């Protein structure tokens, strides 16, 4: 939901003043979580998200199904 709120307000640059504030906060939280997850995955030796999605799509994964 954070990503949706951030994207729908274009990182907090569109919409009403309340929507802009919400969008900025959502973008900041989303970016923080992404950075944290990437660091944790790297430290644990896990596959990075881009490689995971690439491999999953190559094996027929349909994310909309």
PDB file of N, CA and C in Angstrom:
ATOM      1  N   UNK A   1       0.807  -1.188   0.000  1.00  0.00           N
ATOM      2  CA  UNK A   1       0.000   0.000   0.000  1.00  0.00           C
ATOM      3  C   UNK A   1       0.857   1.261   0.000  1.00  0.00           C
ATOM      4  N   UNK A   2       2.036   1.178   0.637  1.00  0.00           N
ATOM      5  CA  UNK A   2       2.911   2.348   0.631  1.00  0.00           C
ATOM      6  C   UNK A   2       3.279   2.743  -0.790  1.00  0.00           C
ATOM      7  N   UNK A   3       3.633   1.753  -1.598  1.00  0.00           N
ATOM      8  CA  UNK A   3       4.031   2.044  -2.970  1.00  0.00           C
ATOM      9  C   UNK A   3       2.870   2.629  -3.759  1.00  0.00           C
ATOM     10  N   UNK A   4       1.673   2.103  -3.568  1.00  0.00           N
ATOM     11  CA  UNK A   4       0.514   2.641  -4.272  1.00  0.00           C
ATOM     12  C   UNK A   4       0.263   4.099  -3.899  1.00  0.00           C
ATOM     13  N   UNK A   5       0.312   4.408  -2.609  1.00  0.00           N
ATOM     14  CA  UNK A   5       0.076   5.784  -2.171  1.00  0.00           C
ATOM     15  C   UNK A   5       1.163   6.707  -2.714  1.00  0.00           C
ATOM     16  N   UNK A   6       2.400   6.255  -2.691  1.00  0.00           N
ATOM     17  CA  UNK A   6       3.497   7.073  -3.207  1.00  0.00           C
ATOM     18  C   UNK A   6       3.345   7.304  -4.704  1.00  0.00           C
ATOM     19  N   UNK A   7       3.033   6.251  -5.436  1.00  0.00           N
ATOM     20  CA  UNK A   7       2.911   6.378  -6.888  1.00  0.00           C
ATOM     21  C   UNK A   7       1.690   7.188  -7.297  1.00  0.00           C
ATOM     22  N   UNK A   8       0.573   6.999  -6.610  1.00  0.00           N
ATOM     23  CA  UNK A   8      -0.652   7.708  -6.976  1.00  0.00           C
ATOM     24  C   UNK A   8      -0.548   9.213  -6.726  1.00  0.00           C
ATOM     25  N   UNK A   9       0.360   9.605  -5.842  1.00  0.00           N
ATOM     26  CA  UNK A   9       0.575  11.028  -5.574  1.00  0.00           C
ATOM     27  C   UNK A   9       1.885  11.516  -6.201  1.00  0.00           C
ATOM     28  N   UNK A  10       2.492  10.663  -7.011  1.00  0.00           N
ATOM     29  CA  UNK A  10       3.783  10.973  -7.643  1.00  0.00           C
ATOM     30  C   UNK A  10       4.796  11.432  -6.604  1.00  0.00           C
ATOM     31  N   UNK A  11       5.004  10.562  -5.631  1.00  0.00           N
ATOM     32  CA  UNK A  11       5.957  10.786  -4.540  1.00  0.00           C
ATOM     33  C   UNK A  11       5.584  11.998  -3.689  1.00  0.00           C
ATOM     34  N   UNK A  12       4.305  12.313  -3.638  1.00  0.00           N
ATOM     35  CA  UNK A  12       3.837  13.415  -2.820  1.00  0.00           C
ATOM     36  C   UNK A  12       3.874  14.768  -3.507  1.00  0.00           C
ATOM     37  N   UNK A  13       3.842  14.770  -4.841  1.00  0.00           N
ATOM     38  CA  UNK A  13       3.852  16.041  -5.575  1.00  0.00           C
ATOM     39  C   UNK A  13       2.522  16.347  -6.244  1.00  0.00           C
ATOM     40  N   UNK A  14       1.538  15.478  -6.094  1.00  0.00           N
ATOM     41  CA  UNK A  14       0.230  15.687  -6.718  1.00  0.00           C
ATOM     42  C   UNK A  14      -0.871  15.444  -5.703  1.00  0.00           C
ATOM     43  N   UNK A  15      -2.008  16.100  -5.928  1.00  0.00           N
ATOM     44  CA  UNK A  15      -3.173  15.894  -5.082  1.00  0.00           C
ATOM     45  C   UNK A  15      -3.373  17.026  -4.096  1.00  0.00           C
ATOM     46  N   UNK A  16      -4.294  16.807  -3.201  1.00  0.00           N
ATOM     47  CA  UNK A  16      -4.590  17.792  -2.163  1.00  0.00           C
ATOM     48  C   UNK A  16      -3.392  17.896  -1.217  1.00  0.00           C
ATOM     49  N   UNK A  17      -3.350  18.936  -0.408  1.00  0.00           N
ATOM     50  CA  UNK A  17      -2.251  19.032   0.565  1.00  0.00           C
ATOM     51  C   UNK A  17      -2.134  17.791   1.462  1.00  0.00           C
ATOM     52  N   UNK A  18      -3.262  17.251   1.883  1.00  0.00           N
ATOM     53  CA  UNK A  18      -3.223  16.034   2.708  1.00  0.00           C
ATOM     54  C   UNK A  18      -2.683  14.854   1.915  1.00  0.00           C
ATOM     55  N   UNK A  19      -3.103  14.736   0.650  1.00  0.00           N
ATOM     56  CA  UNK A  19      -2.602  13.653  -0.199  1.00  0.00           C
ATOM     57  C   UNK A  19      -1.103  13.795  -0.437  1.00  0.00           C
ATOM     58  N   UNK A  20      -0.633  15.026  -0.622  1.00  0.00           N
ATOM     59  CA  UNK A  20       0.795  15.257  -0.836  1.00  0.00           C
ATOM     60  C   UNK A  20       1.604  14.842   0.383  1.00  0.00           C
ATOM     61  N   UNK A  21       1.116  15.211   1.550  1.00  0.00           N
ATOM     62  CA  UNK A  21       1.812  14.841   2.782  1.00  0.00           C
ATOM     63  C   UNK A  21       1.837  13.328   2.944  1.00  0.00           C
ATOM     64  N   UNK A  22       0.710  12.691   2.686  1.00  0.00           N
ATOM     65  CA  UNK A  22       0.626  11.230   2.779  1.00  0.00           C
ATOM     66  C   UNK A  22       1.546  10.569   1.762  1.00  0.00           C
ATOM     67  N   UNK A  23       1.549  11.081   0.530  1.00  0.00           N
ATOM     68  CA  UNK A  23       2.402  10.519  -0.514  1.00  0.00           C
ATOM     69  C   UNK A  23       3.881  10.636  -0.196  1.00  0.00           C
ATOM     70  N   UNK A  24       4.291  11.773   0.358  1.00  0.00           N
ATOM     71  CA  UNK A  24       5.698  11.949   0.743  1.00  0.00           C
ATOM     72  C   UNK A  24       6.083  10.978   1.847  1.00  0.00           C
ATOM     73  N   UNK A  25       5.219  10.863   2.857  1.00  0.00           N
ATOM     74  CA  UNK A  25       5.499   9.943   3.957  1.00  0.00           C
ATOM     75  C   UNK A  25       5.548   8.504   3.456  1.00  0.00           C
ATOM     76  N   UNK A  26       4.601   8.133   2.603  1.00  0.00           N
ATOM     77  CA  UNK A  26       4.568   6.770   2.068  1.00  0.00           C
ATOM     78  C   UNK A  26       5.836   6.472   1.270  1.00  0.00           C
ATOM     79  N   UNK A  27       6.273   7.434   0.458  1.00  0.00           N
ATOM     80  CA  UNK A  27       7.491   7.239  -0.341  1.00  0.00           C
ATOM     81  C   UNK A  27       8.707   7.074   0.563  1.00  0.00           C
ATOM     82  N   UNK A  28       8.792   7.865   1.617  1.00  0.00           N
ATOM     83  CA  UNK A  28       9.926   7.760   2.542  1.00  0.00           C
ATOM     84  C   UNK A  28       9.942   6.408   3.248  1.00  0.00           C
ATOM     85  N   UNK A  29       8.788   5.966   3.743  1.00  0.00           N
ATOM     86  CA  UNK A  29       8.711   4.661   4.403  1.00  0.00           C
ATOM     87  C   UNK A  29       9.054   3.542   3.428  1.00  0.00           C
ATOM     88  N   UNK A  30       8.489   3.602   2.223  1.00  0.00           N
ATOM     89  CA  UNK A  30       8.761   2.580   1.214  1.00  0.00           C
ATOM     90  C   UNK A  30      10.253   2.503   0.907  1.00  0.00           C
ATOM     91  N   UNK A  31      10.873   3.641   0.677  1.00  0.00           N
ATOM     92  CA  UNK A  31      12.299   3.654   0.348  1.00  0.00           C
ATOM     93  C   UNK A  31      13.149   3.113   1.485  1.00  0.00           C
ATOM     94  N   UNK A  32      12.780   3.455   2.713  1.00  0.00           N
ATOM     95  CA  UNK A  32      13.505   2.937   3.875  1.00  0.00           C
ATOM     96  C   UNK A  32      13.378   1.412   3.959  1.00  0.00           C
ATOM     97  N   UNK A  33      12.155   0.909   3.777  1.00  0.00           N
ATOM     98  CA  UNK A  33      11.951  -0.541   3.850  1.00  0.00           C
ATOM     99  C   UNK A  33      12.690  -1.274   2.740  1.00  0.00           C
ATOM    100  N   UNK A  34      12.684  -0.731   1.536  1.00  0.00           N
ATOM    101  CA  UNK A  34      13.401  -1.371   0.433  1.00  0.00           C
ATOM    102  C   UNK A  34      14.886  -1.453   0.756  1.00  0.00           C
ATOM    103  N   UNK A  35      15.458  -0.366   1.238  1.00  0.00           N
ATOM    104  CA  UNK A  35      16.879  -0.367   1.591  1.00  0.00           C
ATOM    105  C   UNK A  35      17.176  -1.391   2.676  1.00  0.00           C
ATOM    106  N   UNK A  36      16.310  -1.430   3.686  1.00  0.00           N
ATOM    107  CA  UNK A  36      16.519  -2.385   4.775  1.00  0.00           C
ATOM    108  C   UNK A  36      16.421  -3.821   4.287  1.00  0.00           C
ATOM    109  N   UNK A  37      15.408  -4.112   3.455  1.00  0.00           N
ATOM    110  CA  UNK A  37      15.248  -5.472   2.946  1.00  0.00           C
ATOM    111  C   UNK A  37      16.433  -5.881   2.081  1.00  0.00           C
ATOM    112  N   UNK A  38      16.928  -4.979   1.246  1.00  0.00           N
ATOM    113  CA  UNK A  38      18.072  -5.293   0.386  1.00  0.00           C
ATOM    114  C   UNK A  38      19.300  -5.606   1.238  1.00  0.00           C
ATOM    115  N   UNK A  39      19.544  -4.792   2.263  1.00  0.00           N
ATOM    116  CA  UNK A  39      20.685  -5.033   3.144  1.00  0.00           C
ATOM    117  C   UNK A  39      20.557  -6.364   3.876  1.00  0.00           C
ATOM    118  N   UNK A  40      19.357  -6.650   4.389  1.00  0.00           N
ATOM    119  CA  UNK A  40      19.135  -7.906   5.107  1.00  0.00           C
ATOM    120  C   UNK A  40      19.294  -9.106   4.179  1.00  0.00           C
ATOM    121  N   UNK A  41      18.753  -9.009   2.971  1.00  0.00           N
ATOM    122  CA  UNK A  41      18.874 -10.112   2.013  1.00  0.00           C
ATOM    123  C   UNK A  41      20.325 -10.345   1.632  1.00  0.00           C
ATOM    124  N   UNK A  42      21.068  -9.274   1.387  1.00  0.00           N
ATOM    125  CA  UNK A  42      22.476  -9.400   1.018  1.00  0.00           C
ATOM    126  C   UNK A  42      23.260 -10.052   2.152  1.00  0.00           C
ATOM    127  N   UNK A  43      23.021  -9.617   3.385  1.00  0.00           N
ATOM    128  CA  UNK A  43      23.723 -10.176   4.542  1.00  0.00           C
ATOM    129  C   UNK A  43      23.407 -11.657   4.735  1.00  0.00           C
ATOM    130  N   UNK A  44      22.183 -12.049   4.393  1.00  0.00           N
ATOM    131  CA  UNK A  44      21.768 -13.449   4.565  1.00  0.00           C
ATOM    132  C   UNK A  44      22.097 -14.306   3.344  1.00  0.00           C
ATOM    133  N   UNK A  45      22.629 -13.686   2.282  1.00  0.00           N
ATOM    134  CA  UNK A  45      22.981 -14.441   1.085  1.00  0.00           C
ATOM    135  C   UNK A  45      21.794 -14.826   0.221  1.00  0.00           C
ATOM    136  N   UNK A  46      20.690 -14.119   0.367  1.00  0.00           N
ATOM    137  CA  UNK A  46      19.508 -14.423  -0.428  1.00  0.00           C
ATOM    138  C   UNK A  46      19.589 -13.770  -1.806  1.00  0.00           C
ATOM    139  N   UNK A  47      18.827 -14.310  -2.742  1.00  0.00           N
ATOM    140  CA  UNK A  47      18.744 -13.758  -4.089  1.00  0.00           C
ATOM    141  C   UNK A  47      18.103 -12.386  -4.031  1.00  0.00           C
ATOM    142  N   UNK A  48      18.652 -11.442  -4.824  1.00  0.00           N
ATOM    143  CA  UNK A  48      18.057 -10.109  -4.813  1.00  0.00           C
ATOM    144  C   UNK A  48      16.702 -10.145  -5.520  1.00  0.00           C
ATOM    145  N   UNK A  49      15.817  -9.206  -5.215  1.00  0.00           N
ATOM    146  CA  UNK A  49      14.453  -9.250  -5.742  1.00  0.00           C
ATOM    147  C   UNK A  49      14.369  -9.236  -7.270  1.00  0.00           C
ATOM    148  N   UNK A  50      15.222  -8.475  -7.934  1.00  0.00           N
ATOM    149  CA  UNK A  50      15.166  -8.410  -9.393  1.00  0.00           C
ATOM    150  C   UNK A  50      15.503  -9.767 -10.001  1.00  0.00           C
ATOM    151  N   UNK A  51      16.534 -10.409  -9.506  1.00  0.00           N
ATOM    152  CA  UNK A  51      16.905 -11.735 -10.009  1.00  0.00           C
ATOM    153  C   UNK A  51      15.802 -12.747  -9.711  1.00  0.00           C
ATOM    154  N   UNK A  52      15.188 -12.648  -8.537  1.00  0.00           N
ATOM    155  CA  UNK A  52      14.109 -13.564  -8.184  1.00  0.00           C
ATOM    156  C   UNK A  52      12.942 -13.436  -9.155  1.00  0.00           C
ATOM    157  N   UNK A  53      12.519 -12.206  -9.428  1.00  0.00           N
ATOM    158  CA  UNK A  53      11.396 -11.994 -10.345  1.00  0.00           C
ATOM    159  C   UNK A  53      11.773 -12.444 -11.750  1.00  0.00           C
ATOM    160  N   UNK A  54      12.986 -12.129 -12.199  1.00  0.00           N
ATOM    161  CA  UNK A  54      13.434 -12.555 -13.524  1.00  0.00           C
ATOM    162  C   UNK A  54      13.364 -14.071 -13.660  1.00  0.00           C
ATOM    163  N   UNK A  55      13.879 -14.793 -12.671  1.00  0.00           N
ATOM    164  CA  UNK A  55      13.858 -16.261 -12.712  1.00  0.00           C
ATOM    165  C   UNK A  55      12.419 -16.789 -12.633  1.00  0.00           C
ATOM    166  N   UNK A  56      11.613 -16.176 -11.799  1.00  0.00           N
ATOM    167  CA  UNK A  56      10.225 -16.624 -11.666  1.00  0.00           C
ATOM    168  C   UNK A  56       9.455 -16.441 -12.965  1.00  0.00           C
ATOM    169  N   UNK A  57       9.624 -15.287 -13.610  1.00  0.00           N
ATOM    170  CA  UNK A  57       8.950 -15.045 -14.883  1.00  0.00           C
ATOM    171  C   UNK A  57       9.436 -16.008 -15.957  1.00  0.00           C
ATOM    172  N   UNK A  58      10.730 -16.297 -15.952  1.00  0.00           N
ATOM    173  CA  UNK A  58      11.297 -17.225 -16.933  1.00  0.00           C
ATOM    174  C   UNK A  58      10.736 -18.634 -16.767  1.00  0.00           C
ATOM    175  N   UNK A  59      10.296 -18.952 -15.549  1.00  0.00           N
ATOM    176  CA  UNK A  59       9.734 -20.281 -15.282  1.00  0.00           C
ATOM    177  C   UNK A  59       8.204 -20.291 -15.348  1.00  0.00           C
ATOM    178  N   UNK A  60       7.622 -19.241 -15.917  1.00  0.00           N
ATOM    179  CA  UNK A  60       6.185 -19.236 -16.139  1.00  0.00           C
ATOM    180  C   UNK A  60       5.330 -18.639 -15.057  1.00  0.00           C
ATOM    181  N   UNK A  61       5.919 -18.024 -14.064  1.00  0.00           N
ATOM    182  CA  UNK A  61       5.130 -17.407 -12.999  1.00  0.00           C
ATOM    183  C   UNK A  61       4.306 -16.268 -13.561  1.00  0.00           C
ATOM    184  N   UNK A  62       3.025 -16.264 -13.260  1.00  0.00           N
ATOM    185  CA  UNK A  62       2.128 -15.199 -13.680  1.00  0.00           C
ATOM    186  C   UNK A  62       1.695 -14.457 -12.423  1.00  0.00           C
ATOM    187  N   UNK A  63       2.239 -13.272 -12.178  1.00  0.00           N
ATOM    188  CA  UNK A  63       1.926 -12.558 -10.939  1.00  0.00           C
ATOM    189  C   UNK A  63       0.484 -12.075 -10.857  1.00  0.00           C
ATOM    190  N   UNK A  64      -0.232 -12.082 -11.968  1.00  0.00           N
ATOM    191  CA  UNK A  64      -1.614 -11.625 -11.944  1.00  0.00           C
ATOM    192  C   UNK A  64      -2.624 -12.759 -11.834  1.00  0.00           C
ATOM    193  N   UNK A  65      -2.129 -13.978 -11.821  1.00  0.00           N
ATOM    194  CA  UNK A  65      -3.039 -15.135 -11.743  1.00  0.00           C
ATOM    195  C   UNK A  65      -3.475 -15.415 -10.334  1.00  0.00           C
TER     196      UNK A  65
END
